[in-house]
């Protein structure tokens, strides 16, 4: 029996922030996870981190600020 190494998915900061934005806008976590195809635990963690201010929003804002 061969054992395949499981690879963790990596999501961009923009993707995480968009998912959290949808939840904050009133969309159910279960719906967002199904539409985006991500684990419920991941989105729940991102929402919790965003509420604590630990999901790095500032780095995203710098990308969109005018020069």
Protein backbone atom coordinates (compact mmCIF):
# COMPACT_ATOMS: atom_id res chain seq x y z
CA UNK A 1 0.00 0.00 0.00
CA UNK A 2 1.41 3.38 -0.98
CA UNK A 3 0.80 6.36 1.18
CA UNK A 4 0.28 9.62 -0.68
CA UNK A 5 1.41 12.72 1.16
CA UNK A 6 -1.49 15.08 1.73
CA UNK A 7 -0.91 18.61 0.47
CA UNK A 8 -2.42 21.54 2.34
CA UNK A 9 -4.23 24.11 0.28
CA UNK A 10 -2.80 27.62 0.27
CA UNK A 11 -5.13 30.57 -0.12
CA UNK A 12 -4.22 34.13 -0.99
CA UNK A 13 -4.86 36.91 1.48
CA UNK A 14 -7.31 38.44 -0.99
CA UNK A 15 -9.28 35.17 -1.16
CA UNK A 16 -9.46 34.93 2.64
CA UNK A 17 -10.60 38.52 3.01
CA UNK A 18 -13.28 38.10 0.35
CA UNK A 19 -14.59 34.97 2.09
CA UNK A 20 -14.69 36.80 5.43
CA UNK A 21 -16.39 39.79 3.80
CA UNK A 22 -19.16 37.54 2.51
CA UNK A 23 -19.75 36.15 6.00
CA UNK A 24 -19.77 39.63 7.53
CA UNK A 25 -22.28 40.68 4.87
CA UNK A 26 -24.69 38.09 6.25
CA UNK A 27 -24.01 35.02 4.13
CA UNK A 28 -23.98 31.77 6.12
CA UNK A 29 -20.57 30.16 6.63
CA UNK A 30 -21.91 26.86 5.27
CA UNK A 31 -23.03 28.57 2.06
CA UNK A 32 -19.75 30.44 1.55
CA UNK A 33 -17.68 27.30 2.12
CA UNK A 34 -19.76 25.31 -0.35
CA UNK A 35 -19.62 28.00 -3.03
CA UNK A 36 -15.87 28.58 -2.62
CA UNK A 37 -15.03 24.91 -2.07
CA UNK A 38 -13.14 25.40 1.18
CA UNK A 39 -13.32 23.63 4.56
CA UNK A 40 -15.70 25.12 7.11
CA UNK A 41 -12.93 25.08 9.73
CA UNK A 42 -10.69 27.25 7.55
CA UNK A 43 -13.33 29.92 7.03
CA UNK A 44 -14.32 29.84 10.70
CA UNK A 45 -10.68 30.42 11.64
CA UNK A 46 -10.38 33.33 9.19
CA UNK A 47 -13.55 34.96 10.55
CA UNK A 48 -12.25 34.57 14.11
CA UNK A 49 -8.84 36.01 13.19
CA UNK A 50 -10.46 38.93 11.37
CA UNK A 51 -12.59 39.71 14.41
CA UNK A 52 -9.42 39.83 16.53
CA UNK A 53 -7.70 42.02 13.95
CA UNK A 54 -5.15 39.31 13.19
CA UNK A 55 -6.09 38.66 9.57
CA UNK A 56 -3.66 41.01 7.86
CA UNK A 57 -6.02 43.52 6.24
CA UNK A 58 -3.40 46.29 6.09
CA UNK A 59 -1.26 44.46 3.56
CA UNK A 60 -4.27 44.21 1.25
CA UNK A 61 -5.12 47.89 1.64
CA UNK A 62 -1.60 48.92 0.65
CA UNK A 63 -2.04 47.16 -2.69
CA UNK A 64 -5.02 49.33 -3.54
CA UNK A 65 -3.88 52.68 -2.20
CA UNK A 66 -2.98 55.30 -4.79
CA UNK A 67 0.68 56.22 -5.19
